[in-house]
């Protein structure tokens, strides 16, 4: 008895669309993207962050707010242990320009 392929067609179309979108995104990033760099000072600042979310206004910096975020978790999957370490430092500055 032959295998019916009609039920697999929508799944194949979706996977093909996702693959094509990923390919186009990769080509656009390579063509128009900038070369990234790693700044050791920024890496050390991210390593020094406390876990959680924090936000503050520096003294004397009117219109500026700094925010930090860090999440560290370990989990096991398939007999292996993985660690997720996500950190972000953001600054929002609003200035009036004459």
PDB file of N, CA and C in Angstrom:
ATOM      1  N   UNK A   1       0.842  -1.168   0.000  1.00  0.00           N
ATOM      2  CA  UNK A   1       0.000   0.000   0.000  1.00  0.00           C
ATOM      3  C   UNK A   1       0.900   1.249   0.000  1.00  0.00           C
ATOM      4  N   UNK A   2       0.673   2.158  -0.918  1.00  0.00           N
ATOM      5  CA  UNK A   2       1.521   3.349  -0.977  1.00  0.00           C
ATOM      6  C   UNK A   2       1.251   4.284   0.203  1.00  0.00           C
ATOM      7  N   UNK A   3       2.275   5.014   0.582  1.00  0.00           N
ATOM      8  CA  UNK A   3       2.178   5.968   1.682  1.00  0.00           C
ATOM      9  C   UNK A   3       1.527   7.255   1.183  1.00  0.00           C
ATOM     10  N   UNK A   4       0.448   7.718   1.825  1.00  0.00           N
ATOM     11  CA  UNK A   4      -0.185   8.957   1.377  1.00  0.00           C
ATOM     12  C   UNK A   4       0.665  10.172   1.762  1.00  0.00           C
ATOM     13  N   UNK A   5       1.079  10.933   0.784  1.00  0.00           N
ATOM     14  CA  UNK A   5       1.926  12.090   1.022  1.00  0.00           C
ATOM     15  C   UNK A   5       1.138  13.393   1.161  1.00  0.00           C
ATOM     16  N   UNK A   6      -0.134  13.379   0.841  1.00  0.00           N
ATOM     17  CA  UNK A   6      -0.944  14.595   0.903  1.00  0.00           C
ATOM     18  C   UNK A   6      -0.980  15.208   2.301  1.00  0.00           C
ATOM     19  N   UNK A   7      -1.091  14.436   3.405  1.00  0.00           N
ATOM     20  CA  UNK A   7      -1.089  15.069   4.726  1.00  0.00           C
ATOM     21  C   UNK A   7       0.249  15.711   5.090  1.00  0.00           C
ATOM     22  N   UNK A   8       1.336  15.293   4.474  1.00  0.00           N
ATOM     23  CA  UNK A   8       2.647  15.851   4.770  1.00  0.00           C
ATOM     24  C   UNK A   8       2.947  17.124   3.987  1.00  0.00           C
ATOM     25  N   UNK A   9       2.156  17.408   2.958  1.00  0.00           N
ATOM     26  CA  UNK A   9       2.413  18.562   2.108  1.00  0.00           C
ATOM     27  C   UNK A   9       2.355  19.894   2.862  1.00  0.00           C
ATOM     28  N   UNK A  10       1.344  20.178   3.711  1.00  0.00           N
ATOM     29  CA  UNK A  10       1.342  21.463   4.436  1.00  0.00           C
ATOM     30  C   UNK A  10       2.561  21.628   5.352  1.00  0.00           C
ATOM     31  N   UNK A  11       2.981  20.569   6.003  1.00  0.00           N
ATOM     32  CA  UNK A  11       4.152  20.632   6.865  1.00  0.00           C
ATOM     33  C   UNK A  11       5.408  20.920   6.033  1.00  0.00           C
ATOM     34  N   UNK A  12       5.548  20.260   4.913  1.00  0.00           N
ATOM     35  CA  UNK A  12       6.707  20.481   4.040  1.00  0.00           C
ATOM     36  C   UNK A  12       6.725  21.917   3.510  1.00  0.00           C
ATOM     37  N   UNK A  13       5.554  22.459   3.184  1.00  0.00           N
ATOM     38  CA  UNK A  13       5.494  23.837   2.709  1.00  0.00           C
ATOM     39  C   UNK A  13       5.894  24.818   3.806  1.00  0.00           C
ATOM     40  N   UNK A  14       5.435  24.579   5.034  1.00  0.00           N
ATOM     41  CA  UNK A  14       5.801  25.455   6.146  1.00  0.00           C
ATOM     42  C   UNK A  14       7.299  25.402   6.428  1.00  0.00           C
ATOM     43  N   UNK A  15       7.847  24.193   6.464  1.00  0.00           N
ATOM     44  CA  UNK A  15       9.284  24.054   6.703  1.00  0.00           C
ATOM     45  C   UNK A  15      10.099  24.697   5.579  1.00  0.00           C
ATOM     46  N   UNK A  16       9.641  24.552   4.352  1.00  0.00           N
ATOM     47  CA  UNK A  16      10.325  25.177   3.227  1.00  0.00           C
ATOM     48  C   UNK A  16      10.271  26.694   3.310  1.00  0.00           C
ATOM     49  N   UNK A  17       9.124  27.240   3.738  1.00  0.00           N
ATOM     50  CA  UNK A  17       8.989  28.693   3.875  1.00  0.00           C
ATOM     51  C   UNK A  17       9.910  29.218   4.980  1.00  0.00           C
ATOM     52  N   UNK A  18       9.994  28.502   6.086  1.00  0.00           N
ATOM     53  CA  UNK A  18      10.880  28.916   7.180  1.00  0.00           C
ATOM     54  C   UNK A  18      12.341  28.844   6.734  1.00  0.00           C
ATOM     55  N   UNK A  19      12.703  27.796   6.024  1.00  0.00           N
ATOM     56  CA  UNK A  19      14.079  27.665   5.532  1.00  0.00           C
ATOM     57  C   UNK A  19      14.414  28.778   4.544  1.00  0.00           C
ATOM     58  N   UNK A  20      13.493  29.090   3.655  1.00  0.00           N
ATOM     59  CA  UNK A  20      13.731  30.163   2.685  1.00  0.00           C
ATOM     60  C   UNK A  20      13.851  31.513   3.383  1.00  0.00           C
ATOM     61  N   UNK A  21      13.019  31.763   4.372  1.00  0.00           N
ATOM     62  CA  UNK A  21      13.095  33.009   5.124  1.00  0.00           C
ATOM     63  C   UNK A  21      14.428  33.119   5.859  1.00  0.00           C
ATOM     64  N   UNK A  22      14.875  32.044   6.460  1.00  0.00           N
ATOM     65  CA  UNK A  22      16.173  32.034   7.135  1.00  0.00           C
ATOM     66  C   UNK A  22      17.318  32.287   6.170  1.00  0.00           C
ATOM     67  N   UNK A  23      17.244  31.699   4.992  1.00  0.00           N
ATOM     68  CA  UNK A  23      18.286  31.905   3.980  1.00  0.00           C
ATOM     69  C   UNK A  23      18.328  33.357   3.526  1.00  0.00           C
ATOM     70  N   UNK A  24      17.168  33.941   3.267  1.00  0.00           N
ATOM     71  CA  UNK A  24      17.107  35.337   2.831  1.00  0.00           C
ATOM     72  C   UNK A  24      17.613  36.257   3.940  1.00  0.00           C
ATOM     73  N   UNK A  25      17.226  35.994   5.187  1.00  0.00           N
ATOM     74  CA  UNK A  25      17.693  36.815   6.308  1.00  0.00           C
ATOM     75  C   UNK A  25      19.210  36.738   6.437  1.00  0.00           C
ATOM     76  N   UNK A  26      19.766  35.555   6.295  1.00  0.00           N
ATOM     77  CA  UNK A  26      21.223  35.392   6.378  1.00  0.00           C
ATOM     78  C   UNK A  26      21.920  36.176   5.277  1.00  0.00           C
ATOM     79  N   UNK A  27      21.408  36.126   4.064  1.00  0.00           N
ATOM     80  CA  UNK A  27      22.019  36.856   2.951  1.00  0.00           C
ATOM     81  C   UNK A  27      21.941  38.366   3.169  1.00  0.00           C
ATOM     82  N   UNK A  28      20.802  38.846   3.678  1.00  0.00           N
ATOM     83  CA  UNK A  28      20.659  40.277   3.943  1.00  0.00           C
ATOM     84  C   UNK A  28      21.603  40.742   5.047  1.00  0.00           C
ATOM     85  N   UNK A  29      21.735  39.939   6.088  1.00  0.00           N
ATOM     86  CA  UNK A  29      22.637  40.304   7.184  1.00  0.00           C
ATOM     87  C   UNK A  29      24.076  40.338   6.692  1.00  0.00           C
ATOM     88  N   UNK A  30      24.459  39.385   5.895  1.00  0.00           N
ATOM     89  CA  UNK A  30      25.833  39.379   5.365  1.00  0.00           C
ATOM     90  C   UNK A  30      26.087  40.564   4.442  1.00  0.00           C
ATOM     91  N   UNK A  31      25.090  40.948   3.676  1.00  0.00           N
ATOM     92  CA  UNK A  31      25.278  42.030   2.720  1.00  0.00           C
ATOM     93  C   UNK A  31      25.245  43.396   3.391  1.00  0.00           C
ATOM     94  N   UNK A  32      24.294  43.594   4.316  1.00  0.00           N
ATOM     95  CA  UNK A  32      24.086  44.915   4.896  1.00  0.00           C
ATOM     96  C   UNK A  32      24.501  45.008   6.363  1.00  0.00           C
ATOM     97  N   UNK A  33      24.876  43.924   6.959  1.00  0.00           N
ATOM     98  CA  UNK A  33      25.234  43.932   8.368  1.00  0.00           C
ATOM     99  C   UNK A  33      26.607  44.520   8.614  1.00  0.00           C
ATOM    100  N   UNK A  34      26.854  44.848   9.852  1.00  0.00           N
ATOM    101  CA  UNK A  34      28.152  45.370  10.243  1.00  0.00           C
ATOM    102  C   UNK A  34      28.959  44.271  10.902  1.00  0.00           C
ATOM    103  N   UNK A  35      30.268  44.432  10.847  1.00  0.00           N
ATOM    104  CA  UNK A  35      31.147  43.466  11.486  1.00  0.00           C
ATOM    105  C   UNK A  35      31.074  43.691  12.989  1.00  0.00           C
ATOM    106  N   UNK A  36      30.768  42.667  13.726  1.00  0.00           N
ATOM    107  CA  UNK A  36      30.683  42.793  15.175  1.00  0.00           C
ATOM    108  C   UNK A  36      32.057  42.821  15.813  1.00  0.00           C
ATOM    109  N   UNK A  37      32.086  43.229  17.070  1.00  0.00           N
ATOM    110  CA  UNK A  37      33.339  43.247  17.800  1.00  0.00           C
ATOM    111  C   UNK A  37      33.061  42.868  19.248  1.00  0.00           C
ATOM    112  N   UNK A  38      34.075  42.387  19.921  1.00  0.00           N
ATOM    113  CA  UNK A  38      33.963  42.040  21.331  1.00  0.00           C
ATOM    114  C   UNK A  38      34.828  43.004  22.122  1.00  0.00           C
ATOM    115  N   UNK A  39      34.201  43.704  23.053  1.00  0.00           N
ATOM    116  CA  UNK A  39      34.898  44.658  23.910  1.00  0.00           C
ATOM    117  C   UNK A  39      35.084  43.995  25.268  1.00  0.00           C
ATOM    118  N   UNK A  40      36.317  43.776  25.684  1.00  0.00           N
ATOM    119  CA  UNK A  40      36.589  43.076  26.935  1.00  0.00           C
ATOM    120  C   UNK A  40      36.004  43.808  28.133  1.00  0.00           C
ATOM    121  N   UNK A  41      36.004  45.155  28.093  1.00  0.00           N
ATOM    122  CA  UNK A  41      35.420  45.914  29.210  1.00  0.00           C
ATOM    123  C   UNK A  41      33.930  45.624  29.343  1.00  0.00           C
ATOM    124  N   UNK A  42      33.238  45.528  28.211  1.00  0.00           N
ATOM    125  CA  UNK A  42      31.809  45.220  28.240  1.00  0.00           C
ATOM    126  C   UNK A  42      31.581  43.794  28.732  1.00  0.00           C
ATOM    127  N   UNK A  43      32.436  42.860  28.319  1.00  0.00           N
ATOM    128  CA  UNK A  43      32.306  41.470  28.773  1.00  0.00           C
ATOM    129  C   UNK A  43      32.456  41.381  30.293  1.00  0.00           C
ATOM    130  N   UNK A  44      33.426  42.095  30.836  1.00  0.00           N
ATOM    131  CA  UNK A  44      33.636  42.074  32.286  1.00  0.00           C
ATOM    132  C   UNK A  44      32.487  42.752  33.018  1.00  0.00           C
ATOM    133  N   UNK A  45      31.940  43.825  32.453  1.00  0.00           N
ATOM    134  CA  UNK A  45      30.789  44.486  33.073  1.00  0.00           C
ATOM    135  C   UNK A  45      29.586  43.553  33.096  1.00  0.00           C
ATOM    136  N   UNK A  46      29.365  42.782  32.038  1.00  0.00           N
ATOM    137  CA  UNK A  46      28.253  41.829  32.013  1.00  0.00           C
ATOM    138  C   UNK A  46      28.477  40.708  33.024  1.00  0.00           C
ATOM    139  N   UNK A  47      29.731  40.267  33.186  1.00  0.00           N
ATOM    140  CA  UNK A  47      30.026  39.220  34.162  1.00  0.00           C
ATOM    141  C   UNK A  47      29.802  39.697  35.588  1.00  0.00           C
ATOM    142  N   UNK A  48      29.959  41.002  35.850  1.00  0.00           N
ATOM    143  CA  UNK A  48      29.807  41.549  37.198  1.00  0.00           C
ATOM    144  C   UNK A  48      28.366  41.869  37.572  1.00  0.00           C
ATOM    145  N   UNK A  49      27.421  41.725  36.651  1.00  0.00           N
ATOM    146  CA  UNK A  49      26.029  42.043  36.945  1.00  0.00           C
ATOM    147  C   UNK A  49      25.452  41.084  37.980  1.00  0.00           C
ATOM    148  N   UNK A  50      24.591  41.614  38.843  1.00  0.00           N
ATOM    149  CA  UNK A  50      23.837  40.761  39.759  1.00  0.00           C
ATOM    150  C   UNK A  50      22.629  40.199  39.016  1.00  0.00           C
ATOM    151  N   UNK A  51      22.153  39.058  39.477  1.00  0.00           N
ATOM    152  CA  UNK A  51      20.999  38.446  38.831  1.00  0.00           C
ATOM    153  C   UNK A  51      19.744  39.243  39.139  1.00  0.00           C
ATOM    154  N   UNK A  52      18.900  39.392  38.147  1.00  0.00           N
ATOM    155  CA  UNK A  52      17.651  40.118  38.308  1.00  0.00           C
ATOM    156  C   UNK A  52      17.605  41.342  37.411  1.00  0.00           C
ATOM    157  N   UNK A  53      16.626  42.201  37.677  1.00  0.00           N
ATOM    158  CA  UNK A  53      16.413  43.413  36.895  1.00  0.00           C
ATOM    159  C   UNK A  53      16.618  44.614  37.796  1.00  0.00           C
ATOM    160  N   UNK A  54      17.391  45.593  37.356  1.00  0.00           N
ATOM    161  CA  UNK A  54      17.639  46.800  38.135  1.00  0.00           C
ATOM    162  C   UNK A  54      17.576  48.005  37.212  1.00  0.00           C
ATOM    163  N   UNK A  55      17.102  49.130  37.764  1.00  0.00           N
ATOM    164  CA  UNK A  55      17.017  50.357  36.996  1.00  0.00           C
ATOM    165  C   UNK A  55      17.298  51.530  37.920  1.00  0.00           C
ATOM    166  N   UNK A  56      18.057  52.513  37.435  1.00  0.00           N
ATOM    167  CA  UNK A  56      18.350  53.680  38.261  1.00  0.00           C
ATOM    168  C   UNK A  56      18.673  54.884  37.383  1.00  0.00           C
ATOM    169  N   UNK A  57      18.645  56.057  38.024  1.00  0.00           N
ATOM    170  CA  UNK A  57      19.042  57.306  37.366  1.00  0.00           C
ATOM    171  C   UNK A  57      20.342  57.772  38.000  1.00  0.00           C
ATOM    172  N   UNK A  58      21.393  57.973  37.210  1.00  0.00           N
ATOM    173  CA  UNK A  58      22.646  58.467  37.773  1.00  0.00           C
ATOM    174  C   UNK A  58      22.494  59.912  38.255  1.00  0.00           C
ATOM    175  N   UNK A  59      23.244  60.262  39.297  1.00  0.00           N
ATOM    176  CA  UNK A  59      23.214  61.635  39.803  1.00  0.00           C
ATOM    177  C   UNK A  59      23.758  62.584  38.752  1.00  0.00           C
ATOM    178  N   UNK A  60      23.088  63.710  38.608  1.00  0.00           N
ATOM    179  CA  UNK A  60      23.556  64.729  37.680  1.00  0.00           C
ATOM    180  C   UNK A  60      23.305  64.419  36.221  1.00  0.00           C
ATOM    181  N   UNK A  61      22.665  63.317  35.924  1.00  0.00           N
ATOM    182  CA  UNK A  61      22.384  62.955  34.526  1.00  0.00           C
ATOM    183  C   UNK A  61      20.886  63.094  34.291  1.00  0.00           C
ATOM    184  N   UNK A  62      20.461  64.321  34.066  1.00  0.00           N
ATOM    185  CA  UNK A  62      19.036  64.568  33.847  1.00  0.00           C
ATOM    186  C   UNK A  62      18.592  63.914  32.544  1.00  0.00           C
ATOM    187  N   UNK A  63      17.471  63.244  32.599  1.00  0.00           N
ATOM    188  CA  UNK A  63      16.936  62.614  31.398  1.00  0.00           C
ATOM    189  C   UNK A  63      17.587  61.296  31.032  1.00  0.00           C
ATOM    190  N   UNK A  64      18.364  60.712  31.939  1.00  0.00           N
ATOM    191  CA  UNK A  64      19.021  59.431  31.636  1.00  0.00           C
ATOM    192  C   UNK A  64      18.559  58.371  32.620  1.00  0.00           C
ATOM    193  N   UNK A  65      18.351  57.161  32.125  1.00  0.00           N
ATOM    194  CA  UNK A  65      17.996  56.019  32.959  1.00  0.00           C
ATOM    195  C   UNK A  65      18.811  54.830  32.498  1.00  0.00           C
ATOM    196  N   UNK A  66      19.440  54.152  33.452  1.00  0.00           N
ATOM    197  CA  UNK A  66      20.227  52.952  33.159  1.00  0.00           C
ATOM    198  C   UNK A  66      19.481  51.730  33.687  1.00  0.00           C
ATOM    199  N   UNK A  67      19.518  50.651  32.923  1.00  0.00           N
ATOM    200  CA  UNK A  67      18.838  49.422  33.302  1.00  0.00           C
ATOM    201  C   UNK A  67      19.768  48.244  33.060  1.00  0.00           C
ATOM    202  N   UNK A  68      19.778  47.299  33.987  1.00  0.00           N
ATOM    203  CA  UNK A  68      20.557  46.077  33.819  1.00  0.00           C
ATOM    204  C   UNK A  68      19.664  44.870  34.049  1.00  0.00           C
ATOM    205  N   UNK A  69      20.036  43.763  33.431  1.00  0.00           N
ATOM    206  CA  UNK A  69      19.275  42.522  33.547  1.00  0.00           C
ATOM    207  C   UNK A  69      20.249  41.353  33.447  1.00  0.00           C
ATOM    208  N   UNK A  70      20.051  40.361  34.302  1.00  0.00           N
ATOM    209  CA  UNK A  70      20.844  39.138  34.196  1.00  0.00           C
ATOM    210  C   UNK A  70      20.014  37.944  34.648  1.00  0.00           C
ATOM    211  N   UNK A  71      20.132  36.873  33.896  1.00  0.00           N
ATOM    212  CA  UNK A  71      19.442  35.620  34.184  1.00  0.00           C
ATOM    213  C   UNK A  71      20.448  34.495  34.023  1.00  0.00           C
ATOM    214  N   UNK A  72      20.625  33.722  35.082  1.00  0.00           N
ATOM    215  CA  UNK A  72      21.501  32.538  35.026  1.00  0.00           C
ATOM    216  C   UNK A  72      20.704  31.330  35.484  1.00  0.00           C
ATOM    217  N   UNK A  73      20.643  30.331  34.644  1.00  0.00           N
ATOM    218  CA  UNK A  73      19.920  29.106  34.975  1.00  0.00           C
ATOM    219  C   UNK A  73      20.692  27.905  34.439  1.00  0.00           C
ATOM    220  N   UNK A  74      20.587  26.798  35.143  1.00  0.00           N
ATOM    221  CA  UNK A  74      21.125  25.537  34.650  1.00  0.00           C
ATOM    222  C   UNK A  74      19.965  24.559  34.530  1.00  0.00           C
ATOM    223  N   UNK A  75      20.049  23.706  33.534  1.00  0.00           N
ATOM    224  CA  UNK A  75      19.015  22.696  33.351  1.00  0.00           C
ATOM    225  C   UNK A  75      19.636  21.469  32.720  1.00  0.00           C
ATOM    226  N   UNK A  76      18.962  20.350  32.892  1.00  0.00           N
ATOM    227  CA  UNK A  76      19.426  19.086  32.330  1.00  0.00           C
ATOM    228  C   UNK A  76      18.465  18.636  31.253  1.00  0.00           C
ATOM    229  N   UNK A  77      19.059  18.120  30.168  1.00  0.00           N
ATOM    230  CA  UNK A  77      18.248  17.601  29.089  1.00  0.00           C
ATOM    231  C   UNK A  77      19.031  16.481  28.424  1.00  0.00           C
ATOM    232  N   UNK A  78      18.451  15.338  28.376  1.00  0.00           N
ATOM    233  CA  UNK A  78      19.100  14.209  27.724  1.00  0.00           C
ATOM    234  C   UNK A  78      20.373  13.759  28.411  1.00  0.00           C
ATOM    235  N   UNK A  79      20.462  13.899  29.722  1.00  0.00           N
ATOM    236  CA  UNK A  79      21.641  13.473  30.453  1.00  0.00           C
ATOM    237  C   UNK A  79      22.776  14.478  30.442  1.00  0.00           C
ATOM    238  N   UNK A  80      22.608  15.604  29.774  1.00  0.00           N
ATOM    239  CA  UNK A  80      23.625  16.653  29.745  1.00  0.00           C
ATOM    240  C   UNK A  80      23.129  17.855  30.520  1.00  0.00           C
ATOM    241  N   UNK A  81      24.056  18.604  31.107  1.00  0.00           N
ATOM    242  CA  UNK A  81      23.713  19.804  31.859  1.00  0.00           C
ATOM    243  C   UNK A  81      24.141  21.024  31.065  1.00  0.00           C
ATOM    244  N   UNK A  82      23.220  21.979  30.939  1.00  0.00           N
ATOM    245  CA  UNK A  82      23.468  23.208  30.205  1.00  0.00           C
ATOM    246  C   UNK A  82      23.280  24.401  31.140  1.00  0.00           C
ATOM    247  N   UNK A  83      23.994  25.485  30.846  1.00  0.00           N
ATOM    248  CA  UNK A  83      23.827  26.713  31.607  1.00  0.00           C
ATOM    249  C   UNK A  83      23.466  27.836  30.647  1.00  0.00           C
ATOM    250  N   UNK A  84      22.435  28.595  31.013  1.00  0.00           N
ATOM    251  CA  UNK A  84      22.050  29.785  30.267  1.00  0.00           C
ATOM    252  C   UNK A  84      22.487  30.981  31.092  1.00  0.00           C
ATOM    253  N   UNK A  85      23.230  31.890  30.476  1.00  0.00           N
ATOM    254  CA  UNK A  85      23.665  33.116  31.137  1.00  0.00           C
ATOM    255  C   UNK A  85      23.361  34.263  30.188  1.00  0.00           C
ATOM    256  N   UNK A  86      22.284  35.005  30.476  1.00  0.00           N
ATOM    257  CA  UNK A  86      21.877  36.121  29.626  1.00  0.00           C
ATOM    258  C   UNK A  86      21.996  37.404  30.430  1.00  0.00           C
ATOM    259  N   UNK A  87      22.641  38.396  29.842  1.00  0.00           N
ATOM    260  CA  UNK A  87      22.798  39.676  30.516  1.00  0.00           C
ATOM    261  C   UNK A  87      22.654  40.809  29.525  1.00  0.00           C
ATOM    262  N   UNK A  88      22.158  41.951  30.019  1.00  0.00           N
ATOM    263  CA  UNK A  88      21.992  43.120  29.163  1.00  0.00           C
ATOM    264  C   UNK A  88      22.183  44.379  29.982  1.00  0.00           C
ATOM    265  N   UNK A  89      22.818  45.348  29.370  1.00  0.00           N
ATOM    266  CA  UNK A  89      22.970  46.675  29.953  1.00  0.00           C
ATOM    267  C   UNK A  89      22.394  47.649  28.936  1.00  0.00           C
ATOM    268  N   UNK A  90      21.499  48.511  29.397  1.00  0.00           N
ATOM    269  CA  UNK A  90      20.873  49.456  28.474  1.00  0.00           C
ATOM    270  C   UNK A  90      20.889  50.857  29.065  1.00  0.00           C
ATOM    271  N   UNK A  91      20.987  51.822  28.172  1.00  0.00           N
ATOM    272  CA  UNK A  91      20.925  53.215  28.590  1.00  0.00           C
ATOM    273  C   UNK A  91      19.959  53.933  27.669  1.00  0.00           C
ATOM    274  N   UNK A  92      19.069  54.698  28.266  1.00  0.00           N
ATOM    275  CA  UNK A  92      18.151  55.543  27.516  1.00  0.00           C
ATOM    276  C   UNK A  92      18.427  56.973  27.932  1.00  0.00           C
ATOM    277  N   UNK A  93      18.789  57.800  26.963  1.00  0.00           N
ATOM    278  CA  UNK A  93      19.104  59.191  27.252  1.00  0.00           C
ATOM    279  C   UNK A  93      18.220  60.075  26.373  1.00  0.00           C
ATOM    280  N   UNK A  94      17.535  61.019  27.018  1.00  0.00           N
ATOM    281  CA  UNK A  94      16.683  61.954  26.319  1.00  0.00           C
ATOM    282  C   UNK A  94      17.226  63.357  26.556  1.00  0.00           C
ATOM    283  N   UNK A  95      17.623  64.018  25.462  1.00  0.00           N
ATOM    284  CA  UNK A  95      18.189  65.365  25.575  1.00  0.00           C
ATOM    285  C   UNK A  95      17.466  66.300  24.621  1.00  0.00           C
ATOM    286  N   UNK A  96      17.351  67.526  25.050  1.00  0.00           N
ATOM    287  CA  UNK A  96      16.776  68.548  24.171  1.00  0.00           C
ATOM    288  C   UNK A  96      17.931  69.189  23.396  1.00  0.00           C
ATOM    289  N   UNK A  97      17.772  69.247  22.095  1.00  0.00           N
ATOM    290  CA  UNK A  97      18.786  69.839  21.235  1.00  0.00           C
ATOM    291  C   UNK A  97      18.258  71.162  20.729  1.00  0.00           C
ATOM    292  N   UNK A  98      19.041  72.196  20.916  1.00  0.00           N
ATOM    293  CA  UNK A  98      18.612  73.556  20.537  1.00  0.00           C
ATOM    294  C   UNK A  98      18.749  73.774  19.059  1.00  0.00           C
TER     295      UNK A  98
END
